[in-house]
Structure formats: C-alpha cells, structure tokens
N, C-alpha and C. Protein backbone atom coordinates (compact mmCIF):
# COMPACT_ATOMS: atom_id res chain seq x y z
N MET A 1 -6.59 2.85 22.22
CA MET A 1 -6.68 1.65 21.41
C MET A 1 -5.31 1.31 20.83
N THR A 2 -5.02 0.02 20.76
CA THR A 2 -3.74 -0.41 20.22
C THR A 2 -3.81 -0.50 18.70
N GLU A 3 -2.66 -0.50 18.08
CA GLU A 3 -2.59 -0.68 16.63
C GLU A 3 -3.07 -2.08 16.27
N THR A 4 -3.55 -2.23 15.07
CA THR A 4 -3.99 -3.53 14.58
C THR A 4 -2.80 -4.48 14.55
N ALA A 5 -2.96 -5.64 15.17
CA ALA A 5 -1.88 -6.62 15.19
C ALA A 5 -1.64 -7.15 13.78
N ARG A 6 -0.39 -7.34 13.44
CA ARG A 6 -0.05 -7.76 12.07
C ARG A 6 -0.24 -9.26 11.84
N ASP A 7 -0.35 -10.04 12.89
CA ASP A 7 -0.45 -11.49 12.70
C ASP A 7 -1.85 -12.03 13.00
N THR A 8 -2.80 -11.15 13.17
CA THR A 8 -4.16 -11.59 13.45
C THR A 8 -5.15 -10.84 12.56
N ILE A 9 -6.38 -11.31 12.60
CA ILE A 9 -7.47 -10.63 11.91
C ILE A 9 -8.10 -9.68 12.90
N THR A 10 -8.40 -8.49 12.45
CA THR A 10 -9.10 -7.51 13.28
C THR A 10 -10.38 -7.12 12.56
N MET A 11 -11.48 -7.15 13.30
CA MET A 11 -12.77 -6.76 12.73
C MET A 11 -13.32 -5.57 13.51
N PHE A 12 -13.60 -4.50 12.80
CA PHE A 12 -14.25 -3.33 13.38
C PHE A 12 -15.74 -3.45 13.08
N GLY A 13 -16.57 -3.37 14.12
CA GLY A 13 -18.00 -3.52 13.90
C GLY A 13 -18.82 -2.98 15.05
N ALA A 14 -20.13 -3.20 14.95
CA ALA A 14 -21.06 -2.76 15.98
C ALA A 14 -22.19 -3.78 16.09
N ASP A 15 -22.75 -3.89 17.30
CA ASP A 15 -23.78 -4.91 17.53
C ASP A 15 -25.11 -4.61 16.82
N TRP A 16 -25.30 -3.39 16.32
CA TRP A 16 -26.53 -3.05 15.61
C TRP A 16 -26.42 -3.29 14.10
N CYS A 17 -25.24 -3.67 13.65
CA CYS A 17 -24.95 -3.82 12.22
C CYS A 17 -25.16 -5.27 11.77
N ARG A 18 -26.12 -5.49 10.87
CA ARG A 18 -26.41 -6.86 10.42
C ARG A 18 -25.22 -7.51 9.73
N ASP A 19 -24.52 -6.76 8.89
CA ASP A 19 -23.35 -7.32 8.21
C ASP A 19 -22.25 -7.70 9.21
N CYS A 20 -22.12 -6.89 10.26
CA CYS A 20 -21.13 -7.19 11.31
C CYS A 20 -21.49 -8.48 12.03
N ILE A 21 -22.76 -8.62 12.36
CA ILE A 21 -23.23 -9.82 13.06
C ILE A 21 -22.97 -11.05 12.19
N ARG A 22 -23.27 -10.95 10.89
CA ARG A 22 -23.08 -12.06 9.96
C ARG A 22 -21.60 -12.44 9.84
N THR A 23 -20.73 -11.45 9.68
CA THR A 23 -19.30 -11.73 9.52
C THR A 23 -18.72 -12.30 10.81
N LYS A 24 -19.12 -11.75 11.93
CA LYS A 24 -18.65 -12.25 13.23
C LYS A 24 -19.07 -13.71 13.41
N LYS A 25 -20.31 -14.02 13.06
CA LYS A 25 -20.82 -15.39 13.17
C LYS A 25 -20.01 -16.33 12.28
N GLN A 26 -19.71 -15.88 11.06
CA GLN A 26 -18.94 -16.71 10.13
C GLN A 26 -17.55 -17.01 10.70
N LEU A 27 -16.87 -16.00 11.20
CA LEU A 27 -15.54 -16.21 11.78
C LEU A 27 -15.60 -17.15 12.97
N ASP A 28 -16.62 -16.95 13.82
CA ASP A 28 -16.79 -17.81 15.00
C ASP A 28 -17.03 -19.27 14.58
N GLU A 29 -17.93 -19.47 13.60
CA GLU A 29 -18.25 -20.83 13.16
C GLU A 29 -17.07 -21.52 12.52
N LEU A 30 -16.19 -20.75 11.87
CA LEU A 30 -14.99 -21.33 11.24
C LEU A 30 -13.86 -21.53 12.24
N GLY A 31 -14.05 -21.04 13.47
CA GLY A 31 -13.02 -21.19 14.49
C GLY A 31 -11.82 -20.28 14.26
N ILE A 32 -12.05 -19.17 13.57
CA ILE A 32 -10.97 -18.22 13.27
C ILE A 32 -10.78 -17.29 14.45
N GLU A 33 -9.54 -17.18 14.91
CA GLU A 33 -9.25 -16.22 15.98
C GLU A 33 -9.16 -14.83 15.39
N TYR A 34 -9.75 -13.87 16.06
CA TYR A 34 -9.73 -12.49 15.58
C TYR A 34 -9.93 -11.55 16.74
N THR A 35 -9.55 -10.32 16.53
CA THR A 35 -9.77 -9.27 17.52
C THR A 35 -11.00 -8.49 17.06
N TYR A 36 -11.97 -8.37 17.93
CA TYR A 36 -13.18 -7.61 17.60
C TYR A 36 -13.10 -6.24 18.26
N VAL A 37 -13.22 -5.21 17.45
CA VAL A 37 -13.21 -3.84 17.96
C VAL A 37 -14.64 -3.32 17.89
N ASP A 38 -15.26 -3.18 19.05
CA ASP A 38 -16.65 -2.73 19.17
C ASP A 38 -16.70 -1.21 19.07
N LEU A 39 -17.25 -0.73 17.97
CA LEU A 39 -17.30 0.71 17.74
C LEU A 39 -18.31 1.42 18.62
N VAL A 40 -19.21 0.67 19.25
CA VAL A 40 -20.13 1.27 20.21
C VAL A 40 -19.38 1.51 21.53
N ALA A 41 -18.62 0.51 21.96
CA ALA A 41 -17.85 0.63 23.21
C ALA A 41 -16.66 1.57 23.06
N ASP A 42 -16.10 1.64 21.84
CA ASP A 42 -14.92 2.47 21.59
C ASP A 42 -15.15 3.32 20.34
N PRO A 43 -15.95 4.38 20.46
CA PRO A 43 -16.30 5.20 19.30
C PRO A 43 -15.09 5.81 18.58
N THR A 44 -14.01 6.05 19.29
CA THR A 44 -12.83 6.62 18.63
C THR A 44 -12.21 5.62 17.64
N ALA A 45 -12.49 4.34 17.82
CA ALA A 45 -11.97 3.33 16.90
C ALA A 45 -12.59 3.47 15.52
N ALA A 46 -13.73 4.13 15.41
CA ALA A 46 -14.35 4.37 14.10
C ALA A 46 -13.41 5.18 13.21
N ASP A 47 -12.65 6.08 13.82
CA ASP A 47 -11.67 6.86 13.05
C ASP A 47 -10.57 5.96 12.50
N VAL A 48 -10.17 4.97 13.28
CA VAL A 48 -9.15 4.03 12.84
C VAL A 48 -9.69 3.20 11.67
N ALA A 49 -10.92 2.71 11.81
CA ALA A 49 -11.53 1.91 10.75
C ALA A 49 -11.66 2.75 9.47
N LYS A 50 -12.05 4.00 9.61
CA LYS A 50 -12.18 4.88 8.44
C LYS A 50 -10.82 5.15 7.81
N GLU A 51 -9.80 5.30 8.64
CA GLU A 51 -8.45 5.53 8.13
C GLU A 51 -7.97 4.33 7.30
N ILE A 52 -8.30 3.13 7.76
CA ILE A 52 -7.91 1.91 7.07
C ILE A 52 -8.65 1.77 5.74
N SER A 53 -9.97 1.97 5.79
CA SER A 53 -10.80 1.67 4.63
C SER A 53 -11.09 2.86 3.73
N GLY A 54 -10.96 4.06 4.27
CA GLY A 54 -11.32 5.23 3.49
C GLY A 54 -12.82 5.45 3.41
N ARG A 55 -13.56 4.66 4.16
CA ARG A 55 -15.03 4.72 4.14
C ARG A 55 -15.56 4.65 5.57
N THR A 56 -16.84 4.95 5.73
CA THR A 56 -17.45 4.85 7.05
C THR A 56 -18.29 3.57 7.19
N ASN A 57 -18.33 2.74 6.16
CA ASN A 57 -19.10 1.50 6.20
C ASN A 57 -18.41 0.49 7.11
N ILE A 58 -19.22 -0.37 7.74
CA ILE A 58 -18.71 -1.46 8.57
C ILE A 58 -19.44 -2.74 8.20
N PRO A 59 -18.89 -3.90 8.48
CA PRO A 59 -17.62 -4.09 9.16
C PRO A 59 -16.41 -3.81 8.26
N VAL A 60 -15.31 -3.53 8.93
CA VAL A 60 -14.01 -3.47 8.26
C VAL A 60 -13.22 -4.64 8.83
N VAL A 61 -12.80 -5.54 7.96
CA VAL A 61 -12.04 -6.72 8.37
C VAL A 61 -10.62 -6.55 7.83
N VAL A 62 -9.65 -6.52 8.75
CA VAL A 62 -8.25 -6.35 8.37
C VAL A 62 -7.55 -7.70 8.56
N TYR A 63 -6.86 -8.13 7.51
CA TYR A 63 -6.21 -9.44 7.51
C TYR A 63 -4.72 -9.32 7.84
N PRO A 64 -4.09 -10.46 8.20
CA PRO A 64 -2.67 -10.43 8.57
C PRO A 64 -1.75 -9.91 7.47
N ASP A 65 -2.18 -9.98 6.21
CA ASP A 65 -1.33 -9.50 5.12
C ASP A 65 -1.56 -8.01 4.84
N ALA A 66 -2.27 -7.34 5.76
CA ALA A 66 -2.55 -5.89 5.71
C ALA A 66 -3.59 -5.50 4.66
N THR A 67 -4.23 -6.49 4.02
CA THR A 67 -5.35 -6.16 3.14
C THR A 67 -6.60 -6.06 4.01
N HIS A 68 -7.67 -5.55 3.43
CA HIS A 68 -8.91 -5.43 4.20
C HIS A 68 -10.12 -5.56 3.29
N HIS A 69 -11.23 -5.86 3.91
CA HIS A 69 -12.53 -5.86 3.25
C HIS A 69 -13.43 -4.88 3.99
N VAL A 70 -14.32 -4.23 3.26
CA VAL A 70 -15.36 -3.40 3.84
C VAL A 70 -16.69 -4.02 3.44
N GLU A 71 -17.54 -4.30 4.40
CA GLU A 71 -18.83 -4.95 4.16
C GLU A 71 -18.69 -6.19 3.27
N PRO A 72 -17.80 -7.12 3.63
CA PRO A 72 -17.59 -8.28 2.76
C PRO A 72 -18.74 -9.27 2.82
N SER A 73 -18.92 -9.99 1.72
CA SER A 73 -19.86 -11.12 1.73
C SER A 73 -19.16 -12.29 2.41
N ASN A 74 -19.93 -13.30 2.79
CA ASN A 74 -19.33 -14.50 3.38
C ASN A 74 -18.36 -15.14 2.39
N ASP A 75 -18.71 -15.11 1.10
CA ASP A 75 -17.83 -15.69 0.08
C ASP A 75 -16.51 -14.93 0.01
N ASP A 76 -16.57 -13.59 0.11
CA ASP A 76 -15.34 -12.79 0.10
C ASP A 76 -14.42 -13.17 1.26
N VAL A 77 -15.01 -13.29 2.44
CA VAL A 77 -14.23 -13.63 3.63
C VAL A 77 -13.64 -15.03 3.49
N ALA A 78 -14.46 -15.98 3.07
CA ALA A 78 -13.98 -17.36 2.93
C ALA A 78 -12.85 -17.44 1.90
N ALA A 79 -12.98 -16.73 0.79
CA ALA A 79 -11.93 -16.74 -0.24
C ALA A 79 -10.63 -16.19 0.32
N LYS A 80 -10.72 -15.11 1.09
CA LYS A 80 -9.51 -14.52 1.65
C LYS A 80 -8.89 -15.44 2.69
N LEU A 81 -9.71 -16.07 3.51
CA LEU A 81 -9.19 -17.01 4.52
C LEU A 81 -8.51 -18.19 3.86
N ARG A 82 -9.06 -18.66 2.72
CA ARG A 82 -8.41 -19.75 1.98
C ARG A 82 -7.08 -19.27 1.40
N GLU A 83 -7.07 -18.05 0.84
CA GLU A 83 -5.83 -17.49 0.29
C GLU A 83 -4.73 -17.42 1.34
N LEU A 84 -5.12 -17.11 2.58
CA LEU A 84 -4.15 -17.00 3.67
C LEU A 84 -3.90 -18.34 4.36
N SER A 85 -4.50 -19.41 3.83
CA SER A 85 -4.37 -20.77 4.38
C SER A 85 -4.86 -20.84 5.83
N LEU A 86 -5.92 -20.08 6.13
CA LEU A 86 -6.49 -20.11 7.48
C LEU A 86 -7.67 -21.07 7.58
N ILE A 87 -8.20 -21.48 6.42
CA ILE A 87 -9.24 -22.52 6.39
C ILE A 87 -8.91 -23.47 5.27
C-alpha cells in the first residue's frame, strides 16, 4: 500500500460498515475526489488506519492538511470540507 497522498482525501473503510457507507455516499454526492482504501480487500491497511487515528474504529478520513476524523458525522465532514474550501 502507498502512503496517504498529501493533496487528496483518503478514506479507510469497509463495505459492511454503515458509517463508511454514509461517509462515502456523502463524498460522492458532493463530487469530492478521494482515495478509498478498502480494509476488506487490503486488511493490512487497517494497521495504517489505526496508526493514523490511534483507534480501530472506521471510517478514518484523512484530509489534505494531515488532520483526520474517525467515525465523523456528515456535519463534521461538511465543516472540514468547507474549512479546506473544497465545497
């Protein structure tokens, strides 16, 4: 797996995770480009997500400014995207 790109959003998630599905849908509907790291397809990436967040909860959303959210609400994501002038 490659390192998280510094100029894009990276989301670590799984298809069985409701919060992941919700966050992915929100990003898609807003037309936000992001890299999706499927933890089912790449289980070793879970270690990377845990290293970033310090937790095992998903999704982990990493922003271009190197901040991250763990299990964010839609409002949290939207606020961060506005802060970064992405929406």
